[in-house]
Amino acid sequence: MSKKWEKDRRKEHYHRIAKKENYRSRASYKLIQLNKRFKIIKNGDFVVDLGAAPGGWSQVALEVVGNQGLVVGVDLQRIKPFKQDNFIGILGNFTEDETVAKIDYALGGKADVILSDASPQLSGIRDIDHLKSIEIAENVLKIGEHILKRNGNLIMKVFQGEEFGKLLKKIKKNFNVKTTKPPSSKKGSTEMYVVAMGKI
């Protein structure tokens, strides 16, 4: 990792604000902006955050759901615990049945919202990274079929590319779908956020 990259990162607007406001990640502002616009998460909701580390989205979700809600964060990397006791961290691969069973147990029922800001291990080759991102999105949808309650909501990141339209068509069979790119997304990034509301 170059010194120039690290210097640019420190200067980057949302990274600096995150440090100042004690958010774990600049990505927190993506969810703040998305939720302000679409009202996906509400007080008292049960939320599952897939690909949660270091916890930027879980942190925002905890602020919104309040004491009556629950946030379950899942990642291959350990998520540092929060001060709130209504956060459950699960170490595991959410594409595996064993991890999905742990999510089920943690929820004790169905989720109101599923979040995923997960990215694949980037190769730097746009087409390959796009297809990896689509694969993650397909797994998020599969979990959603199982754990998301009727009228539940979902937000996930997907890299744009030739398979993006097919994915949207699939999601639209069960949700009211919007696509958007929040102001805090990095310029030049192919990431797009799929906001899927009101699961049938």
N, C-alpha and C. Protein backbone atom coordinates (compact mmCIF):
# COMPACT_ATOMS: atom_id res chain seq x y z
N MET A 1 0.85 -1.19 0.00
CA MET A 1 0.00 0.00 0.00
C MET A 1 0.89 1.24 0.00
N SER A 2 0.74 2.11 -1.00
CA SER A 2 1.64 3.25 -1.16
C SER A 2 1.34 4.35 -0.14
N LYS A 3 2.37 5.15 0.14
CA LYS A 3 2.20 6.28 1.05
C LYS A 3 1.24 7.31 0.44
N LYS A 4 1.28 7.45 -0.90
CA LYS A 4 0.38 8.39 -1.58
C LYS A 4 -1.07 7.97 -1.38
N TRP A 5 -1.34 6.65 -1.53
CA TRP A 5 -2.71 6.15 -1.35
C TRP A 5 -3.21 6.44 0.06
N GLU A 6 -2.35 6.20 1.04
CA GLU A 6 -2.72 6.43 2.44
C GLU A 6 -2.96 7.92 2.70
N LYS A 7 -2.14 8.76 2.11
CA LYS A 7 -2.29 10.21 2.27
C LYS A 7 -3.60 10.68 1.64
N ASP A 8 -3.90 10.19 0.43
CA ASP A 8 -5.15 10.55 -0.24
C ASP A 8 -6.36 10.09 0.56
N ARG A 9 -6.24 8.91 1.17
CA ARG A 9 -7.34 8.36 1.96
C ARG A 9 -7.61 9.24 3.19
N ARG A 10 -6.53 9.70 3.83
CA ARG A 10 -6.69 10.56 5.01
C ARG A 10 -7.36 11.88 4.64
N LYS A 11 -7.06 12.35 3.45
CA LYS A 11 -7.62 13.63 3.00
C LYS A 11 -9.08 13.49 2.56
N GLU A 12 -9.45 12.27 2.15
CA GLU A 12 -10.77 12.05 1.57
C GLU A 12 -11.88 12.48 2.54
N HIS A 13 -12.83 13.24 2.01
CA HIS A 13 -13.84 13.94 2.81
C HIS A 13 -14.56 13.03 3.81
N TYR A 14 -15.17 11.95 3.32
CA TYR A 14 -15.98 11.12 4.20
C TYR A 14 -15.14 10.32 5.18
N HIS A 15 -13.92 10.02 4.79
CA HIS A 15 -13.03 9.33 5.73
C HIS A 15 -12.73 10.23 6.92
N ARG A 16 -12.48 11.51 6.63
CA ARG A 16 -12.17 12.46 7.71
C ARG A 16 -13.38 12.68 8.62
N ILE A 17 -14.57 12.78 8.01
CA ILE A 17 -15.78 12.98 8.81
C ILE A 17 -16.05 11.75 9.69
N ALA A 18 -15.83 10.56 9.13
CA ALA A 18 -16.04 9.33 9.90
C ALA A 18 -15.16 9.30 11.14
N LYS A 19 -13.92 9.71 10.97
CA LYS A 19 -13.00 9.78 12.12
C LYS A 19 -13.53 10.77 13.16
N LYS A 20 -13.97 11.91 12.69
CA LYS A 20 -14.43 12.97 13.57
C LYS A 20 -15.70 12.57 14.32
N GLU A 21 -16.61 11.87 13.64
CA GLU A 21 -17.89 11.52 14.24
C GLU A 21 -17.93 10.10 14.81
N ASN A 22 -16.74 9.49 14.86
CA ASN A 22 -16.58 8.16 15.48
C ASN A 22 -17.36 7.05 14.79
N TYR A 23 -17.44 7.12 13.47
CA TYR A 23 -17.96 5.99 12.71
C TYR A 23 -16.80 5.09 12.30
N ARG A 24 -17.08 3.81 12.23
CA ARG A 24 -16.02 2.85 11.93
C ARG A 24 -15.55 2.89 10.49
N SER A 25 -16.35 3.44 9.61
CA SER A 25 -16.02 3.41 8.19
C SER A 25 -16.67 4.57 7.47
N ARG A 26 -16.02 5.04 6.41
CA ARG A 26 -16.63 6.07 5.56
C ARG A 26 -17.92 5.54 4.94
N ALA A 27 -18.02 4.21 4.81
CA ALA A 27 -19.21 3.59 4.23
C ALA A 27 -20.47 3.84 5.06
N SER A 28 -20.29 4.19 6.33
CA SER A 28 -21.44 4.51 7.18
C SER A 28 -22.33 5.56 6.53
N TYR A 29 -21.71 6.53 5.86
CA TYR A 29 -22.47 7.64 5.29
C TYR A 29 -23.31 7.19 4.09
N LYS A 30 -22.89 6.12 3.43
CA LYS A 30 -23.72 5.58 2.34
C LYS A 30 -25.07 5.12 2.90
N LEU A 31 -25.02 4.37 4.00
CA LEU A 31 -26.27 3.87 4.58
C LEU A 31 -27.09 5.01 5.19
N ILE A 32 -26.43 5.97 5.82
CA ILE A 32 -27.14 7.13 6.36
C ILE A 32 -27.91 7.84 5.24
N GLN A 33 -27.25 8.05 4.11
CA GLN A 33 -27.87 8.75 2.99
C GLN A 33 -28.98 7.91 2.35
N LEU A 34 -28.74 6.61 2.21
CA LEU A 34 -29.75 5.72 1.62
C LEU A 34 -30.98 5.63 2.51
N ASN A 35 -30.76 5.52 3.80
CA ASN A 35 -31.90 5.37 4.71
C ASN A 35 -32.68 6.69 4.85
N LYS A 36 -31.99 7.79 4.77
CA LYS A 36 -32.67 9.09 4.82
C LYS A 36 -33.61 9.24 3.62
N ARG A 37 -33.18 8.73 2.49
CA ARG A 37 -33.98 8.88 1.26
C ARG A 37 -35.10 7.84 1.17
N PHE A 38 -34.81 6.58 1.55
CA PHE A 38 -35.77 5.50 1.30
C PHE A 38 -36.46 4.95 2.54
N LYS A 39 -36.00 5.36 3.72
CA LYS A 39 -36.63 4.90 4.98
C LYS A 39 -36.71 3.36 5.04
N ILE A 40 -35.61 2.73 4.76
CA ILE A 40 -35.54 1.26 4.73
C ILE A 40 -35.56 0.67 6.13
N ILE A 41 -34.79 1.27 7.05
CA ILE A 41 -34.69 0.77 8.43
C ILE A 41 -35.48 1.68 9.35
N LYS A 42 -36.23 1.07 10.27
CA LYS A 42 -37.03 1.84 11.22
C LYS A 42 -36.74 1.39 12.65
N ASN A 43 -37.17 2.19 13.59
CA ASN A 43 -37.03 1.86 15.00
C ASN A 43 -37.69 0.52 15.28
N GLY A 44 -36.98 -0.35 16.00
CA GLY A 44 -37.52 -1.64 16.38
C GLY A 44 -37.28 -2.76 15.37
N ASP A 45 -36.69 -2.44 14.23
CA ASP A 45 -36.47 -3.46 13.20
C ASP A 45 -35.40 -4.47 13.62
N PHE A 46 -35.52 -5.68 13.07
CA PHE A 46 -34.48 -6.71 13.16
C PHE A 46 -33.74 -6.69 11.82
N VAL A 47 -32.45 -6.43 11.89
CA VAL A 47 -31.62 -6.18 10.70
C VAL A 47 -30.48 -7.19 10.62
N VAL A 48 -30.23 -7.71 9.43
CA VAL A 48 -29.08 -8.58 9.19
C VAL A 48 -28.14 -7.85 8.23
N ASP A 49 -26.89 -7.70 8.63
CA ASP A 49 -25.88 -7.01 7.85
C ASP A 49 -24.87 -8.04 7.35
N LEU A 50 -24.91 -8.35 6.06
CA LEU A 50 -24.06 -9.38 5.47
C LEU A 50 -22.79 -8.76 4.90
N GLY A 51 -21.65 -9.27 5.33
CA GLY A 51 -20.37 -8.67 4.95
C GLY A 51 -20.14 -7.41 5.75
N ALA A 52 -20.33 -7.53 7.06
CA ALA A 52 -20.47 -6.35 7.93
C ALA A 52 -19.16 -5.68 8.36
N ALA A 53 -18.07 -6.42 8.43
CA ALA A 53 -16.82 -5.84 8.98
C ALA A 53 -16.37 -4.64 8.13
N PRO A 54 -15.85 -3.59 8.78
CA PRO A 54 -15.56 -3.45 10.22
C PRO A 54 -16.76 -3.02 11.08
N GLY A 55 -17.93 -2.85 10.45
CA GLY A 55 -19.12 -2.55 11.23
C GLY A 55 -19.75 -1.21 10.97
N GLY A 56 -19.33 -0.54 9.90
CA GLY A 56 -19.86 0.79 9.60
C GLY A 56 -21.36 0.82 9.38
N TRP A 57 -21.88 -0.16 8.65
CA TRP A 57 -23.33 -0.20 8.41
C TRP A 57 -24.08 -0.70 9.64
N SER A 58 -23.51 -1.66 10.34
CA SER A 58 -24.15 -2.15 11.57
C SER A 58 -24.28 -1.03 12.59
N GLN A 59 -23.26 -0.19 12.66
CA GLN A 59 -23.26 0.93 13.60
C GLN A 59 -24.42 1.89 13.31
N VAL A 60 -24.63 2.20 12.05
CA VAL A 60 -25.75 3.08 11.66
C VAL A 60 -27.08 2.39 11.94
N ALA A 61 -27.16 1.10 11.59
CA ALA A 61 -28.40 0.35 11.83
C ALA A 61 -28.76 0.33 13.31
N LEU A 62 -27.77 0.16 14.17
CA LEU A 62 -28.02 0.17 15.62
C LEU A 62 -28.58 1.50 16.08
N GLU A 63 -28.10 2.59 15.52
CA GLU A 63 -28.62 3.91 15.88
C GLU A 63 -30.08 4.05 15.50
N VAL A 64 -30.47 3.45 14.36
CA VAL A 64 -31.83 3.60 13.87
C VAL A 64 -32.80 2.66 14.59
N VAL A 65 -32.41 1.41 14.82
CA VAL A 65 -33.37 0.43 15.38
C VAL A 65 -33.64 0.67 16.86
N GLY A 66 -32.71 1.33 17.55
CA GLY A 66 -32.92 1.62 18.97
C GLY A 66 -32.87 0.37 19.83
N ASN A 67 -33.29 0.52 21.08
CA ASN A 67 -33.19 -0.58 22.05
C ASN A 67 -34.11 -1.75 21.76
N GLN A 68 -35.20 -1.51 21.04
CA GLN A 68 -36.16 -2.57 20.77
C GLN A 68 -35.80 -3.41 19.54
N GLY A 69 -34.85 -2.95 18.77
CA GLY A 69 -34.44 -3.66 17.57
C GLY A 69 -33.26 -4.58 17.80
N LEU A 70 -32.79 -5.19 16.73
CA LEU A 70 -31.65 -6.11 16.78
C LEU A 70 -30.87 -5.98 15.49
N VAL A 71 -29.54 -6.03 15.61
CA VAL A 71 -28.68 -6.06 14.42
C VAL A 71 -27.76 -7.27 14.52
N VAL A 72 -27.79 -8.09 13.47
CA VAL A 72 -26.93 -9.26 13.38
C VAL A 72 -25.93 -9.00 12.26
N GLY A 73 -24.65 -8.91 12.60
CA GLY A 73 -23.60 -8.65 11.62
C GLY A 73 -22.83 -9.92 11.31
N VAL A 74 -22.62 -10.18 10.03
CA VAL A 74 -21.96 -11.42 9.59
C VAL A 74 -20.77 -11.09 8.70
N ASP A 75 -19.62 -11.70 9.00
CA ASP A 75 -18.46 -11.47 8.15
C ASP A 75 -17.43 -12.57 8.38
N LEU A 76 -16.54 -12.73 7.40
CA LEU A 76 -15.42 -13.66 7.55
C LEU A 76 -14.40 -13.13 8.55
N GLN A 77 -14.39 -11.81 8.73
CA GLN A 77 -13.51 -11.19 9.72
C GLN A 77 -14.29 -10.87 10.99
N ARG A 78 -13.59 -10.91 12.10
CA ARG A 78 -14.24 -10.60 13.38
C ARG A 78 -14.69 -9.15 13.39
N ILE A 79 -15.91 -8.93 13.88
CA ILE A 79 -16.45 -7.57 14.02
C ILE A 79 -16.30 -7.16 15.48
N LYS A 80 -15.59 -6.10 15.70
CA LYS A 80 -15.40 -5.60 17.06
C LYS A 80 -16.76 -5.30 17.70
N PRO A 81 -17.01 -5.79 18.90
CA PRO A 81 -18.33 -5.58 19.53
C PRO A 81 -18.67 -4.10 19.70
N PHE A 82 -19.95 -3.81 19.75
CA PHE A 82 -20.45 -2.46 20.02
C PHE A 82 -20.86 -2.36 21.48
N LYS A 83 -21.03 -1.16 21.96
CA LYS A 83 -21.45 -0.97 23.35
C LYS A 83 -22.90 -1.43 23.55
N GLN A 84 -23.70 -1.36 22.49
CA GLN A 84 -25.09 -1.82 22.59
C GLN A 84 -25.13 -3.34 22.71
N ASP A 85 -26.04 -3.83 23.55
CA ASP A 85 -26.13 -5.28 23.73
C ASP A 85 -27.10 -5.93 22.75
N ASN A 86 -27.69 -5.15 21.85
CA ASN A 86 -28.59 -5.72 20.85
C ASN A 86 -27.90 -5.88 19.49
N PHE A 87 -26.59 -6.12 19.55
CA PHE A 87 -25.80 -6.48 18.38
C PHE A 87 -25.24 -7.88 18.58
N ILE A 88 -25.40 -8.72 17.55
CA ILE A 88 -24.82 -10.06 17.58
C ILE A 88 -23.90 -10.19 16.37
N GLY A 89 -22.64 -10.48 16.63
CA GLY A 89 -21.67 -10.68 15.56
C GLY A 89 -21.48 -12.16 15.28
N ILE A 90 -21.50 -12.52 14.01
CA ILE A 90 -21.31 -13.91 13.60
C ILE A 90 -20.09 -13.98 12.68
N LEU A 91 -19.14 -14.82 13.06
CA LEU A 91 -17.94 -15.04 12.26
C LEU A 91 -18.21 -16.19 11.31
N GLY A 92 -18.25 -15.91 10.01
CA GLY A 92 -18.54 -16.99 9.07
C GLY A 92 -18.81 -16.48 7.67
N ASN A 93 -18.92 -17.41 6.75
CA ASN A 93 -19.19 -17.13 5.34
C ASN A 93 -20.70 -17.24 5.11
N PHE A 94 -21.34 -16.15 4.75
CA PHE A 94 -22.80 -16.18 4.67
C PHE A 94 -23.33 -16.98 3.47
N THR A 95 -22.42 -17.48 2.64
CA THR A 95 -22.86 -18.36 1.55
C THR A 95 -22.97 -19.81 2.01
N GLU A 96 -22.56 -20.09 3.24
CA GLU A 96 -22.58 -21.47 3.74
C GLU A 96 -23.78 -21.71 4.64
N ASP A 97 -24.36 -22.90 4.54
CA ASP A 97 -25.56 -23.26 5.30
C ASP A 97 -25.35 -23.14 6.80
N GLU A 98 -24.17 -23.49 7.26
CA GLU A 98 -23.87 -23.43 8.70
C GLU A 98 -24.01 -22.00 9.23
N THR A 99 -23.51 -21.04 8.45
CA THR A 99 -23.60 -19.64 8.86
C THR A 99 -25.04 -19.14 8.82
N VAL A 100 -25.78 -19.55 7.80
CA VAL A 100 -27.20 -19.16 7.69
C VAL A 100 -27.98 -19.70 8.89
N ALA A 101 -27.63 -20.91 9.33
CA ALA A 101 -28.28 -21.49 10.51
C ALA A 101 -27.99 -20.64 11.75
N LYS A 102 -26.78 -20.10 11.85
CA LYS A 102 -26.42 -19.23 12.98
C LYS A 102 -27.21 -17.92 12.92
N ILE A 103 -27.41 -17.41 11.71
CA ILE A 103 -28.22 -16.19 11.55
C ILE A 103 -29.64 -16.45 12.01
N ASP A 104 -30.19 -17.58 11.57
CA ASP A 104 -31.55 -17.99 11.99
C ASP A 104 -31.68 -18.00 13.50
N TYR A 105 -30.71 -18.62 14.14
CA TYR A 105 -30.75 -18.77 15.60
C TYR A 105 -30.66 -17.40 16.28
N ALA A 106 -29.78 -16.54 15.77
CA ALA A 106 -29.61 -15.21 16.36
C ALA A 106 -30.88 -14.37 16.24
N LEU A 107 -31.55 -14.48 15.10
CA LEU A 107 -32.78 -13.71 14.88
C LEU A 107 -33.93 -14.22 15.72
N GLY A 108 -34.03 -15.52 15.83
CA GLY A 108 -35.18 -16.11 16.53
C GLY A 108 -36.48 -15.86 15.80
N GLY A 109 -36.40 -15.64 14.51
CA GLY A 109 -37.59 -15.35 13.69
C GLY A 109 -37.14 -14.84 12.33
N LYS A 110 -37.88 -13.89 11.79
CA LYS A 110 -37.55 -13.33 10.48
C LYS A 110 -36.96 -11.92 10.63
N ALA A 111 -36.19 -11.52 9.62
CA ALA A 111 -35.60 -10.18 9.60
C ALA A 111 -36.53 -9.20 8.90
N ASP A 112 -36.52 -7.95 9.36
CA ASP A 112 -37.24 -6.87 8.68
C ASP A 112 -36.43 -6.31 7.52
N VAL A 113 -35.10 -6.34 7.69
CA VAL A 113 -34.20 -5.71 6.71
C VAL A 113 -32.94 -6.55 6.55
N ILE A 114 -32.49 -6.66 5.31
CA ILE A 114 -31.17 -7.23 5.03
C ILE A 114 -30.32 -6.15 4.37
N LEU A 115 -29.10 -6.00 4.85
CA LEU A 115 -28.14 -5.05 4.29
C LEU A 115 -26.94 -5.83 3.76
N SER A 116 -26.36 -5.35 2.68
CA SER A 116 -25.09 -5.92 2.23
C SER A 116 -24.29 -4.88 1.46
N ASP A 117 -23.18 -4.47 2.06
CA ASP A 117 -22.21 -3.60 1.40
C ASP A 117 -20.98 -4.42 1.01
N ALA A 118 -21.18 -5.74 0.91
CA ALA A 118 -20.06 -6.66 0.67
C ALA A 118 -19.47 -6.46 -0.72
N SER A 119 -18.14 -6.54 -0.77
CA SER A 119 -17.42 -6.50 -2.05
C SER A 119 -16.61 -7.77 -2.20
N PRO A 120 -16.42 -8.21 -3.45
CA PRO A 120 -15.53 -9.35 -3.65
C PRO A 120 -14.07 -8.93 -3.47
N GLN A 121 -13.19 -9.91 -3.37
CA GLN A 121 -11.76 -9.63 -3.41
C GLN A 121 -11.46 -9.09 -4.80
N LEU A 122 -11.04 -7.83 -4.88
CA LEU A 122 -10.91 -7.18 -6.18
C LEU A 122 -9.68 -7.64 -6.94
N SER A 123 -9.89 -7.91 -8.23
CA SER A 123 -8.79 -8.33 -9.10
C SER A 123 -8.23 -7.15 -9.90
N GLY A 124 -9.03 -6.08 -9.99
CA GLY A 124 -8.64 -4.95 -10.82
C GLY A 124 -9.12 -5.08 -12.26
N ILE A 125 -9.68 -6.26 -12.58
CA ILE A 125 -10.25 -6.48 -13.91
C ILE A 125 -11.76 -6.30 -13.78
N ARG A 126 -12.27 -5.26 -14.41
CA ARG A 126 -13.65 -4.83 -14.17
C ARG A 126 -14.68 -5.94 -14.40
N ASP A 127 -14.57 -6.66 -15.52
CA ASP A 127 -15.56 -7.69 -15.83
C ASP A 127 -15.56 -8.82 -14.80
N ILE A 128 -14.37 -9.22 -14.37
CA ILE A 128 -14.26 -10.29 -13.37
C ILE A 128 -14.85 -9.82 -12.05
N ASP A 129 -14.51 -8.60 -11.64
CA ASP A 129 -15.02 -8.08 -10.37
C ASP A 129 -16.53 -7.92 -10.41
N HIS A 130 -17.05 -7.54 -11.57
CA HIS A 130 -18.51 -7.43 -11.74
C HIS A 130 -19.18 -8.79 -11.53
N LEU A 131 -18.65 -9.83 -12.16
CA LEU A 131 -19.26 -11.16 -12.03
C LEU A 131 -19.17 -11.69 -10.60
N LYS A 132 -18.08 -11.41 -9.92
CA LYS A 132 -17.94 -11.80 -8.51
C LYS A 132 -18.97 -11.07 -7.65
N SER A 133 -19.19 -9.80 -7.98
CA SER A 133 -20.18 -9.00 -7.25
C SER A 133 -21.59 -9.54 -7.48
N ILE A 134 -21.89 -9.95 -8.71
CA ILE A 134 -23.19 -10.54 -9.02
C ILE A 134 -23.38 -11.83 -8.22
N GLU A 135 -22.32 -12.61 -8.10
CA GLU A 135 -22.40 -13.86 -7.33
C GLU A 135 -22.74 -13.59 -5.86
N ILE A 136 -22.11 -12.56 -5.30
CA ILE A 136 -22.43 -12.18 -3.91
C ILE A 136 -23.89 -11.76 -3.81
N ALA A 137 -24.34 -10.94 -4.76
CA ALA A 137 -25.72 -10.46 -4.76
C ALA A 137 -26.71 -11.63 -4.83
N GLU A 138 -26.41 -12.61 -5.65
CA GLU A 138 -27.28 -13.80 -5.77
C GLU A 138 -27.37 -14.52 -4.43
N ASN A 139 -26.26 -14.60 -3.70
CA ASN A 139 -26.27 -15.24 -2.39
C ASN A 139 -27.07 -14.43 -1.37
N VAL A 140 -26.97 -13.11 -1.45
CA VAL A 140 -27.76 -12.25 -0.57
C VAL A 140 -29.25 -12.47 -0.82
N LEU A 141 -29.63 -12.54 -2.10
CA LEU A 141 -31.03 -12.80 -2.45
C LEU A 141 -31.51 -14.15 -1.94
N LYS A 142 -30.65 -15.15 -2.06
CA LYS A 142 -30.99 -16.49 -1.60
C LYS A 142 -31.28 -16.49 -0.10
N ILE A 143 -30.43 -15.81 0.66
CA ILE A 143 -30.65 -15.70 2.10
C ILE A 143 -31.93 -14.92 2.38
N GLY A 144 -32.16 -13.87 1.59
CA GLY A 144 -33.37 -13.08 1.75
C GLY A 144 -34.64 -13.88 1.58
N GLU A 145 -34.63 -14.83 0.64
CA GLU A 145 -35.79 -15.70 0.44
C GLU A 145 -36.12 -16.49 1.70
N HIS A 146 -35.07 -16.79 2.45
CA HIS A 146 -35.21 -17.64 3.63
C HIS A 146 -35.54 -16.86 4.90
N ILE A 147 -34.85 -15.72 5.11
CA ILE A 147 -34.95 -15.07 6.42
C ILE A 147 -35.71 -13.74 6.42
N LEU A 148 -35.99 -13.18 5.24
CA LEU A 148 -36.64 -11.87 5.20
C LEU A 148 -38.15 -12.02 5.24
N LYS A 149 -38.79 -11.29 6.14
CA LYS A 149 -40.24 -11.41 6.29
C LYS A 149 -40.99 -10.74 5.13
N ARG A 150 -42.24 -11.05 5.01
CA ARG A 150 -43.10 -10.42 4.01
C ARG A 150 -43.11 -8.90 4.23
N ASN A 151 -43.02 -8.15 3.16
CA ASN A 151 -42.92 -6.68 3.18
C ASN A 151 -41.57 -6.19 3.69
N GLY A 152 -40.61 -7.11 3.86
CA GLY A 152 -39.27 -6.72 4.30
C GLY A 152 -38.50 -5.99 3.21
N ASN A 153 -37.41 -5.34 3.61
CA ASN A 153 -36.61 -4.51 2.71
C ASN A 153 -35.17 -5.01 2.63
N LEU A 154 -34.52 -4.66 1.53
CA LEU A 154 -33.14 -5.09 1.31
C LEU A 154 -32.36 -3.99 0.59
N ILE A 155 -31.13 -3.76 1.04
CA ILE A 155 -30.21 -2.87 0.32
C ILE A 155 -28.93 -3.65 0.09
N MET A 156 -28.44 -3.64 -1.16
CA MET A 156 -27.15 -4.28 -1.40
C MET A 156 -26.37 -3.55 -2.49
N LYS A 157 -25.06 -3.66 -2.35
CA LYS A 157 -24.16 -3.08 -3.35
C LYS A 157 -23.91 -4.10 -4.46
N VAL A 158 -23.92 -3.61 -5.70
CA VAL A 158 -23.59 -4.45 -6.85
C VAL A 158 -22.74 -3.61 -7.81
N PHE A 159 -21.70 -4.21 -8.37
CA PHE A 159 -20.91 -3.52 -9.39
C PHE A 159 -21.65 -3.62 -10.73
N GLN A 160 -21.70 -2.51 -11.44
CA GLN A 160 -22.40 -2.47 -12.72
C GLN A 160 -21.62 -3.23 -13.80
N GLY A 161 -22.38 -3.80 -14.74
CA GLY A 161 -21.79 -4.57 -15.82
C GLY A 161 -22.89 -5.27 -16.60
N GLU A 162 -22.52 -6.18 -17.48
CA GLU A 162 -23.49 -6.77 -18.40
C GLU A 162 -24.56 -7.61 -17.73
N GLU A 163 -24.29 -8.14 -16.53
CA GLU A 163 -25.27 -8.99 -15.84
C GLU A 163 -26.18 -8.20 -14.90
N PHE A 164 -25.93 -6.91 -14.79
CA PHE A 164 -26.67 -6.09 -13.83
C PHE A 164 -28.17 -6.06 -14.14
N GLY A 165 -28.51 -5.90 -15.41
CA GLY A 165 -29.92 -5.85 -15.81
C GLY A 165 -30.67 -7.14 -15.50
N LYS A 166 -30.01 -8.26 -15.73
CA LYS A 166 -30.63 -9.56 -15.45
C LYS A 166 -30.90 -9.71 -13.96
N LEU A 167 -29.94 -9.26 -13.15
CA LEU A 167 -30.12 -9.32 -11.69
C LEU A 167 -31.31 -8.48 -11.26
N LEU A 168 -31.42 -7.27 -11.79
CA LEU A 168 -32.53 -6.39 -11.42
C LEU A 168 -33.88 -7.01 -11.80
N LYS A 169 -33.92 -7.61 -12.97
CA LYS A 169 -35.16 -8.26 -13.42
C LYS A 169 -35.58 -9.35 -12.44
N LYS A 170 -34.61 -10.09 -11.95
CA LYS A 170 -34.88 -11.16 -10.99
C LYS A 170 -35.40 -10.59 -9.67
N ILE A 171 -34.77 -9.52 -9.20
CA ILE A 171 -35.18 -8.92 -7.92
C ILE A 171 -36.58 -8.33 -8.02
N LYS A 172 -36.91 -7.76 -9.18
CA LYS A 172 -38.20 -7.11 -9.38
C LYS A 172 -39.38 -8.07 -9.32
N LYS A 173 -39.12 -9.36 -9.40
CA LYS A 173 -40.19 -10.36 -9.29
C LYS A 173 -40.80 -10.37 -7.88
N ASN A 174 -39.98 -9.96 -6.89
CA ASN A 174 -40.43 -10.04 -5.49
C ASN A 174 -40.37 -8.72 -4.72
N PHE A 175 -39.84 -7.67 -5.35
CA PHE A 175 -39.67 -6.40 -4.64
C PHE A 175 -40.01 -5.23 -5.57
N ASN A 176 -40.29 -4.08 -4.94
CA ASN A 176 -40.30 -2.79 -5.63
C ASN A 176 -38.86 -2.28 -5.60
N VAL A 177 -38.26 -2.09 -6.76
CA VAL A 177 -36.80 -1.87 -6.83
C VAL A 177 -36.44 -0.47 -7.30
N LYS A 178 -35.47 0.13 -6.61
CA LYS A 178 -34.85 1.38 -7.03
C LYS A 178 -33.33 1.14 -7.08
N THR A 179 -32.66 1.84 -7.98
CA THR A 179 -31.20 1.81 -8.00
C THR A 179 -30.68 3.23 -7.81
N THR A 180 -29.59 3.35 -7.09
CA THR A 180 -29.08 4.68 -6.78
C THR A 180 -27.61 4.60 -6.40
N LYS A 181 -26.99 5.74 -6.41
CA LYS A 181 -25.59 5.85 -5.98
C LYS A 181 -25.52 7.03 -5.01
N PRO A 182 -25.35 6.78 -3.72
CA PRO A 182 -25.35 7.88 -2.75
C PRO A 182 -24.17 8.82 -2.96
N PRO A 183 -24.29 10.07 -2.51
CA PRO A 183 -23.23 11.06 -2.70
C PRO A 183 -21.87 10.62 -2.13
N SER A 184 -21.89 9.76 -1.11
CA SER A 184 -20.64 9.34 -0.48
C SER A 184 -19.93 8.22 -1.22
N SER A 185 -20.54 7.67 -2.29
CA SER A 185 -19.82 6.70 -3.12
C SER A 185 -18.62 7.38 -3.77
N LYS A 186 -17.53 6.62 -3.92
CA LYS A 186 -16.33 7.19 -4.52
C LYS A 186 -16.55 7.48 -6.00
N LYS A 187 -16.02 8.62 -6.42
CA LYS A 187 -16.12 8.99 -7.83
C LYS A 187 -15.37 7.95 -8.67
N GLY A 188 -15.97 7.59 -9.79
CA GLY A 188 -15.31 6.64 -10.68
C GLY A 188 -15.62 5.19 -10.35
N SER A 189 -16.24 4.94 -9.21
CA SER A 189 -16.58 3.58 -8.83
C SER A 189 -17.76 3.07 -9.65
N THR A 190 -17.74 1.76 -9.98
CA THR A 190 -18.87 1.17 -10.72
C THR A 190 -19.95 0.67 -9.76
N GLU A 191 -19.78 0.91 -8.46
CA GLU A 191 -20.77 0.39 -7.51
C GLU A 191 -22.11 1.09 -7.68
N MET A 192 -23.16 0.29 -7.53
CA MET A 192 -24.52 0.80 -7.54
C MET A 192 -25.25 0.14 -6.38
N TYR A 193 -26.19 0.86 -5.78
CA TYR A 193 -26.94 0.29 -4.66
C TYR A 193 -28.36 -0.04 -5.11
N VAL A 194 -28.71 -1.29 -4.88
CA VAL A 194 -30.04 -1.78 -5.21
C VAL A 194 -30.89 -1.69 -3.93
N VAL A 195 -31.95 -0.92 -3.99
CA VAL A 195 -32.85 -0.75 -2.86
C VAL A 195 -34.13 -1.49 -3.20
N ALA A 196 -34.35 -2.61 -2.52
CA ALA A 196 -35.50 -3.49 -2.82
C ALA A 196 -36.47 -3.44 -1.63
N MET A 197 -37.69 -3.00 -1.89
CA MET A 197 -38.63 -2.73 -0.81
C MET A 197 -39.91 -3.58 -0.95
N GLY A 198 -40.48 -3.94 0.19
CA GLY A 198 -41.77 -4.59 0.21
C GLY A 198 -41.80 -5.98 -0.38
N LYS A 199 -40.99 -6.86 0.19
CA LYS A 199 -40.92 -8.23 -0.33
C LYS A 199 -42.33 -8.86 -0.40
N ILE A 200 -42.60 -9.47 -1.54
CA ILE A 200 -43.89 -10.16 -1.74
C ILE A 200 -43.88 -11.49 -0.99
